[in-house]
Protein backbone atom coordinates (compact mmCIF):
# COMPACT_ATOMS: atom_id res chain seq x y z
CA MET A 1 8.70 -16.00 14.47
CA LYS A 2 11.77 -17.74 13.09
CA PHE A 3 12.13 -15.09 10.36
CA PHE A 4 11.83 -12.27 12.90
CA ASN A 5 14.56 -13.82 15.08
CA MET A 6 16.82 -14.25 12.06
CA PHE A 7 16.19 -10.65 10.97
CA TYR A 8 16.78 -9.36 14.50
CA SER A 9 20.07 -11.24 14.85
CA LEU A 10 21.14 -9.96 11.41
CA VAL A 11 20.44 -6.39 12.49
CA LEU A 12 22.36 -6.83 15.74
CA ALA A 13 25.30 -8.55 14.06
CA SER A 14 25.75 -5.87 11.39
CA GLY A 15 25.09 -2.85 13.51
CA GLY A 16 21.81 -2.25 11.69
CA GLU A 17 22.99 0.14 9.00
CA GLU A 18 23.89 -2.52 6.44
CA VAL A 19 20.40 -3.98 6.72
CA ILE A 20 18.36 -0.80 7.03
CA ASN A 21 20.03 1.40 4.41
CA PRO A 22 18.91 -0.67 1.39
CA ILE A 23 15.37 -0.84 2.75
CA TYR A 24 15.31 2.91 3.38
CA GLU A 25 16.74 3.68 -0.05
CA GLY A 26 14.29 1.29 -1.72
CA LEU A 27 11.31 2.91 0.00
CA THR A 28 12.61 6.35 -0.89
CA LEU A 29 13.02 5.37 -4.53
CA ILE A 30 9.84 3.35 -5.03
CA GLY A 31 7.43 5.14 -2.65
CA PRO A 32 6.21 8.03 -4.83
CA TYR A 33 5.95 5.79 -7.89
CA ALA A 34 4.02 3.14 -5.96
CA ILE A 35 1.53 5.74 -4.75
CA GLY A 36 1.13 7.10 -8.28
CA VAL A 37 0.68 3.68 -9.88
CA VAL A 38 -1.86 2.57 -7.27
CA LEU A 39 -3.80 5.82 -7.68
CA LEU A 40 -3.80 5.52 -11.47
CA LEU A 41 -4.92 1.88 -11.45
CA SER A 42 -7.56 2.70 -8.86
CA LEU A 43 -8.85 5.52 -11.03
CA PHE A 44 -9.18 3.30 -14.09
CA TYR A 45 -10.83 0.47 -12.17
CA GLY A 46 -13.16 2.92 -10.42
CA ILE A 47 -14.26 4.30 -13.79
CA PHE A 48 -14.80 0.74 -15.04
CA LEU A 49 -16.99 -0.08 -12.01
CA ALA A 50 -18.92 3.19 -12.37
CA VAL A 51 -19.68 2.41 -16.03
CA LYS A 52 -20.72 -1.10 -15.03
CA TYR A 53 -23.02 0.43 -12.39
CA ALA A 54 -24.53 2.80 -14.96
CA LYS A 55 -25.28 -0.06 -17.37
CA CYS A 56 -27.28 -2.08 -14.81
CA ASN A 57 -30.89 -2.73 -15.80
CA THR A 58 -32.51 -4.16 -12.70
CA ALA A 59 -32.54 -2.88 -9.15
CA GLU A 60 -30.84 -6.06 -7.91
CA GLU A 61 -27.94 -5.66 -10.35
CA ARG A 62 -27.64 -2.01 -9.43
CA ALA A 63 -27.50 -2.84 -5.70
CA ASN A 64 -24.77 -5.44 -6.25
CA ALA A 65 -22.77 -3.05 -8.45
CA GLN A 66 -23.15 -0.31 -5.85
CA LYS A 67 -21.83 -2.60 -3.09
CA THR A 68 -18.87 -3.56 -5.30
CA LEU A 69 -18.12 0.08 -6.05
CA ILE A 70 -18.29 1.12 -2.40
CA ASN A 71 -16.08 -1.79 -1.30
CA PHE A 72 -13.56 -0.94 -3.99
CA ILE A 73 -13.41 2.73 -2.95
CA ILE A 74 -12.87 1.78 0.70
CA GLY A 75 -10.17 -0.75 -0.23
CA ALA A 76 -8.38 1.65 -2.56
CA VAL A 77 -8.32 4.40 0.07
CA VAL A 78 -6.95 2.01 2.69
CA VAL A 79 -4.19 0.77 0.37
CA VAL A 80 -3.15 4.29 -0.65
CA VAL A 81 -3.13 5.47 2.98
CA LEU A 82 -1.02 2.48 4.07
CA ILE A 83 1.52 3.06 1.29
CA ALA A 84 1.67 6.78 2.15
CA VAL A 85 2.14 6.03 5.87
CA LEU A 86 4.92 3.55 5.12
CA TYR A 87 6.60 6.13 2.89
CA ALA A 88 6.18 8.85 5.53
CA ILE A 89 7.59 6.85 8.46
CA ARG A 90 10.57 5.36 6.60
CA GLY A 91 12.99 7.82 8.26
CA PRO A 92 11.82 7.44 11.86
CA LEU A 93 11.50 3.69 11.35
CA ALA A 94 15.10 3.45 10.14
CA ASN A 95 16.27 5.58 13.09
CA PHE A 96 14.32 3.42 15.52
CA ILE A 97 15.85 0.21 14.19
CA ASP A 98 19.35 1.71 14.11
CA SER A 99 19.16 2.73 17.78
């Protein structure tokens, strides 16, 4: 809570633009690259887990590998969606904080 109060007072003291503009510009610059890097790393790790699943010998190993693969896919989708949402709302978020 202390950080939020400090951030809020900083925004009020500076009129908001000096604080929000670097954040907005950073998200604009990094957003597409972050989505691409996360997707690429997810693709490689997903292939690794799929190969690991294919190499399983017993049914128990296969069930554990399948659970790991499913959990990874769900996690990767959530992370990509959250990054995309943050990138998409950067403009309205900056306008909201400025007002």
